[in-house]
Protein backbone atom coordinates (compact mmCIF):
# COMPACT_ATOMS: atom_id res chain seq x y z
CA MET A 1 20.85 -7.27 10.76
CA SER A 2 22.10 -8.28 7.35
CA LYS A 3 22.46 -5.83 4.55
CA CYS A 4 19.08 -5.12 2.91
CA THR A 5 19.04 -5.66 -0.82
CA TYR A 6 15.34 -4.68 -1.41
CA LEU A 7 13.58 -2.08 0.57
CA GLY A 8 9.86 -1.82 1.44
CA ILE A 9 8.46 1.53 2.41
CA LEU A 10 5.14 1.36 4.30
CA GLY A 11 3.89 4.73 3.52
CA GLY A 12 0.97 7.04 2.96
CA LEU A 13 1.02 8.17 6.63
CA GLY A 14 0.94 10.87 5.29
CA PRO A 15 1.53 10.76 1.54
CA MET A 16 3.67 13.93 1.18
CA SER A 17 6.12 12.77 3.90
CA THR A 18 6.37 9.44 1.98
CA VAL A 19 7.28 11.26 -1.18
CA TYR A 20 9.80 13.35 0.85
CA PHE A 21 11.42 10.14 2.45
CA CYS A 22 11.94 8.69 -0.91
CA GLU A 23 13.55 12.07 -2.07
CA LEU A 24 15.89 12.03 0.92
CA LEU A 25 16.80 8.32 0.15
CA THR A 26 17.66 9.25 -3.33
CA SER A 27 19.47 12.44 -2.91
CA HIS A 28 21.56 11.40 0.04
CA THR A 29 22.91 8.05 -1.47
CA LYS A 30 26.24 8.26 -2.96
CA ALA A 31 25.68 7.09 -6.59
CA SER A 32 27.29 7.58 -9.91
CA CYS A 33 24.51 5.85 -11.88
CA ASP A 34 20.93 4.63 -11.47
CA SER A 35 22.03 1.21 -10.37
CA ASP A 36 23.96 2.63 -7.46
CA HIS A 37 20.75 3.64 -5.67
CA ILE A 38 18.59 1.65 -3.36
CA ASP A 39 16.03 -0.91 -4.81
CA MET A 40 12.69 -0.19 -3.06
CA LEU A 41 9.09 -0.86 -3.38
CA ILE A 42 6.61 1.79 -2.02
CA SER A 43 3.24 1.32 -0.53
CA SER A 44 1.29 4.44 -0.09
CA ARG A 45 -1.87 3.44 1.58
CA ALA A 46 -3.38 6.92 2.17
CA THR A 47 -6.59 5.42 3.20
CA THR A 48 -5.05 3.91 6.44
CA PRO A 49 -7.14 5.03 9.23
CA ASP A 50 -5.64 8.12 11.26
CA ARG A 51 -3.13 6.89 13.90
CA THR A 52 -3.74 9.73 16.29
CA ALA A 53 -7.54 9.27 16.12
CA TYR A 54 -7.26 5.75 17.48
CA ILE A 55 -4.68 6.31 20.00
CA LEU A 56 -6.93 9.09 21.59
CA ASP A 57 -10.11 7.10 21.08
CA LYS A 58 -10.19 3.30 20.79
CA SER A 59 -13.56 3.46 19.20
CA ALA A 60 -12.10 4.86 16.03
CA PRO A 61 -11.06 2.50 13.26
CA ASP A 62 -7.80 0.56 14.06
CA PRO A 63 -4.95 1.25 11.45
CA LEU A 64 -3.11 -1.82 12.54
CA PRO A 65 -5.02 -4.31 10.32
CA VAL A 66 -4.45 -2.14 7.26
CA MET A 67 -0.81 -1.57 8.01
CA LEU A 68 -0.30 -5.31 8.43
CA ALA A 69 -2.03 -5.97 5.21
CA GLU A 70 0.28 -3.55 3.45
CA ALA A 71 3.35 -4.98 5.21
CA HIS A 72 2.52 -8.48 4.03
CA ARG A 73 2.07 -7.14 0.47
CA LEU A 74 5.66 -5.89 0.72
CA GLU A 75 6.77 -9.05 2.14
CA ASN A 76 5.28 -11.13 -0.43
CA ALA A 77 6.86 -9.01 -3.18
CA GLY A 78 10.33 -10.01 -1.54
CA VAL A 79 11.41 -7.02 0.53
CA ASP A 80 13.97 -7.78 3.20
CA LEU A 81 13.59 -4.72 5.40
CA ILE A 82 10.50 -2.34 5.92
CA VAL A 83 10.61 1.27 7.08
CA VAL A 84 7.57 3.31 8.20
CA PRO A 85 8.06 7.05 7.59
CA CYS A 86 5.58 7.98 10.28
CA ASN A 87 6.23 8.46 14.06
CA THR A 88 2.80 8.01 15.18
CA ALA A 89 2.30 4.84 13.50
CA HIS A 90 5.07 3.43 15.70
CA TYR A 91 2.59 3.15 18.53
CA PHE A 92 1.66 -0.06 16.70
CA TYR A 93 5.23 -0.98 16.16
CA ASP A 94 5.28 -4.00 18.36
CA GLY A 95 2.10 -5.45 16.62
CA LEU A 96 3.39 -4.71 13.29
CA GLN A 97 6.73 -6.52 13.76
CA LYS A 98 5.12 -9.39 15.70
CA GLY A 99 2.83 -9.81 12.62
CA CYS A 100 5.89 -9.73 10.04
CA LYS A 101 8.76 -12.00 9.25
CA THR A 102 10.65 -9.02 7.73
CA PRO A 103 12.69 -6.69 10.11
CA ILE A 104 11.17 -3.14 10.51
CA LEU A 105 13.39 -0.27 11.51
CA ASN A 106 12.04 1.94 14.33
CA ILE A 107 12.09 5.47 13.66
CA ILE A 108 11.67 6.43 17.26
CA ASP A 109 14.45 4.04 18.47
CA GLU A 110 16.76 5.31 15.82
CA THR A 111 16.16 9.03 16.63
CA THR A 112 16.74 8.52 20.35
CA ALA A 113 19.84 6.47 19.47
CA HIS A 114 21.19 9.33 17.26
CA LEU A 115 20.46 11.95 20.14
CA SER A 116 22.53 9.71 22.46
CA ARG A 117 25.41 9.31 20.05
CA ILE A 118 25.79 13.09 19.57
CA GLY A 119 25.69 13.82 23.29
CA VAL A 120 22.20 15.25 23.64
CA LYS A 121 20.76 14.77 27.28
CA THR A 122 17.66 17.00 26.96
CA PHE A 123 15.48 17.60 23.85
CA GLY A 124 12.06 18.95 23.02
CA LEU A 125 9.69 17.00 20.92
CA LEU A 126 7.21 18.28 18.44
CA ALA A 127 4.94 15.69 17.22
CA THR A 128 1.25 14.70 16.92
CA GLU A 129 -0.95 14.52 20.07
CA GLY A 130 -1.09 10.64 19.49
CA THR A 131 2.89 10.42 19.72
CA ILE A 132 2.98 12.82 22.71
CA SER A 133 0.10 11.23 24.72
CA SER A 134 1.16 7.63 24.05
CA GLY A 135 4.78 8.32 25.41
CA ALA A 136 6.27 6.64 22.48
CA TYR A 137 9.56 8.70 22.72
CA GLU A 138 9.89 8.36 26.40
CA ARG A 139 9.81 4.60 26.06
CA PHE A 140 13.21 4.80 24.38
CA CYS A 141 14.63 7.72 26.41
CA ALA A 142 14.87 6.08 29.76
CA PRO A 143 17.47 3.24 28.79
CA ARG A 144 19.46 6.10 27.03
CA ASN A 145 19.26 8.57 30.15
CA LEU A 146 17.44 11.20 27.74
CA THR A 147 14.94 13.71 29.10
CA CYS A 148 12.19 14.40 26.64
CA ILE A 149 10.31 17.78 27.16
CA THR A 150 6.92 18.17 25.34
CA PRO A 151 4.93 21.26 24.59
CA THR A 152 2.03 22.68 26.98
CA LYS A 153 -1.49 21.71 26.06
CA GLU A 154 -2.00 25.10 24.51
CA GLU A 155 1.26 24.84 22.63
CA GLN A 156 0.42 21.33 21.51
CA ALA A 157 -2.69 22.69 19.98
CA LEU A 158 -0.79 24.95 17.76
CA ILE A 159 1.49 22.08 16.61
CA SER A 160 -1.58 19.77 15.93
CA ASN A 161 -3.22 22.55 13.90
CA MET A 162 -0.03 22.88 11.83
CA ILE A 163 0.09 19.27 11.08
CA TYR A 164 -3.60 18.60 10.61
CA GLY A 165 -4.96 21.83 9.70
CA GLN A 166 -2.09 23.25 7.54
CA ILE A 167 0.65 20.69 6.15
CA LYS A 168 -1.80 17.74 5.60
CA GLN A 169 -3.99 20.18 3.70
CA ASN A 170 -1.24 21.69 1.51
CA LYS A 171 -1.65 24.93 3.16
CA PRO A 172 1.22 27.23 4.38
CA ALA A 173 2.48 26.54 7.76
CA ASP A 174 2.21 29.11 10.57
CA MET A 175 6.01 29.60 11.21
CA ALA A 176 5.37 32.28 13.81
CA ALA A 177 3.44 29.83 15.87
CA PHE A 178 6.11 27.06 15.32
CA HIS A 179 8.91 29.28 16.51
CA LYS A 180 6.85 30.36 19.63
CA VAL A 181 6.62 26.73 20.67
CA VAL A 182 10.18 26.14 19.80
CA GLN A 183 11.37 29.12 21.96
CA SER A 184 9.22 28.02 24.90
CA LEU A 185 10.91 24.50 24.65
CA ILE A 186 14.44 26.18 24.63
CA SER A 187 13.54 28.21 27.77
CA ARG A 188 12.67 24.90 29.40
CA GLY A 189 16.24 23.75 28.90
CA CYS A 190 16.07 21.86 25.44
CA LYS A 191 19.46 21.53 23.72
CA LYS A 192 17.84 20.20 20.48
CA ILE A 193 14.24 20.02 19.05
CA VAL A 194 13.17 16.81 17.50
CA LEU A 195 10.71 16.92 14.66
CA GLY A 196 8.86 13.93 15.62
CA CYS A 197 6.17 14.14 13.08
CA THR A 198 7.13 13.38 9.41
CA GLU A 199 4.88 16.17 8.24
CA LEU A 200 7.04 18.68 10.29
CA SER A 201 10.05 17.43 8.29
CA LEU A 202 8.58 19.38 5.46
CA LEU A 203 9.31 22.52 7.44
CA LYS A 204 12.99 22.27 6.37
CA LYS A 205 11.93 23.67 3.15
CA GLU A 206 10.95 26.81 5.12
CA GLY A 207 14.71 27.18 5.97
CA ILE A 208 14.85 26.20 9.71
CA ASP A 209 18.16 25.55 11.25
CA GLU A 210 19.04 21.98 10.20
CA GLU A 211 21.99 21.88 12.76
CA PHE A 212 19.60 22.66 15.76
CA PHE A 213 16.62 20.65 14.79
CA VAL A 214 16.87 16.76 14.63
CA ASP A 215 14.62 15.56 12.01
CA SER A 216 13.47 11.92 12.63
CA LEU A 217 12.93 11.45 9.04
CA ASP A 218 16.63 12.35 8.30
CA VAL A 219 17.62 9.88 10.92
CA LEU A 220 15.43 7.08 9.31
CA ALA A 221 16.85 7.91 5.98
CA TYR A 222 20.38 7.86 7.18
CA ARG A 223 19.96 4.45 9.02
CA THR A 224 18.05 3.08 5.92
CA ILE A 225 20.96 3.96 3.58
CA LEU A 226 23.36 2.28 5.94
CA ALA A 227 21.10 -0.81 6.23
CA CYS A 228 21.05 -1.08 2.51
CA GLY A 229 24.76 -1.12 2.28
CA LYS A 230 24.97 2.38 0.66
CA THR A 231 27.14 5.51 1.59
CA PRO A 232 24.98 8.40 3.15
CA ILE A 233 25.94 11.88 1.82
CA GLY A 234 24.90 15.48 2.32
CA PHE A 235 23.51 15.07 5.96
CA SER A 236 24.05 17.75 8.65
CA THR A 237 27.28 17.85 10.39
CA SER A 238 25.80 16.03 13.46
CA TYR A 239 25.79 12.81 11.45
CA ASP A 240 29.67 13.04 11.31
CA LEU A 241 29.43 11.80 15.03
CA GLU A 242 27.21 8.75 13.80
CA VAL A 243 28.88 5.26 14.17
CA ALA A 244 27.71 3.05 11.36
CA GLN A 245 26.08 -0.30 12.80
C-alpha cells in the first residue's frame, strides 16, 4: 500500500467512538506543528442502520448501502485511504471494499495481526452480539493459529447491555459486570482481552489496564498513523514489538 496523503474516516458507528478515534490519531502522532498531523476528512453518518440488528435479523434495514454512499462521498472528495472505526461494520467489509476503489484498512485483520506479532495465542473477545455471532474475528484467527474465546450467553448479555444500554446512551458503564466477564475469560485461559467494540474502547477512560487489554481502536489508530507516513507515539509497550509494514 502506498503512503496515504488524505485519510477518510467512515464513522458515526457510533459517534462517540468516531470522535475518540480522531483524538487517538491526533494525540498519538509525532508532531511539532499543525501541518505535521494527518490530513483527514470525517464522515459521521449516525443514522446508518444498526449493524448488529441486521446481522441478527436480515429483515432489519441493511447498513451497507448507506456505508457505501458515505465511502463514495469520501472517495469523491479525494481521500486515498478509508478507515472504519467500528468492528461490527466489518461484517460488511467485503461488500464495502468491492464497491470502492479506495483501499480500506480492516480493523479485525489488523487486530489479529497485532496479537500474532506480540506472541498471543489465546485471547478473549468482548464485542457486540453481531460481531460475536458472525464469527468476524475467527475468520482471521485460523490463518494465524489464534484461539478466540467468547463470553457465555449470559455474559454476552452483560456486555451487550453495557454497549447499547449504557455507553451508547452516555450512561455510566457497569464496571463490576465488565470485570466479572473479564475474570471469567481469564479463567478459561485467555492471555489478553480484546476490546472488539469501539464503544468499549471508551472504557480506557475508566482506568483499565492498557497493557492487558488490546484495544482494537488503538490498533487501528497505530496502523493508520503508519499508513499515513507518520510516526506513532505514546502507545502501550506492546506496540514496541510491532513491525512497521
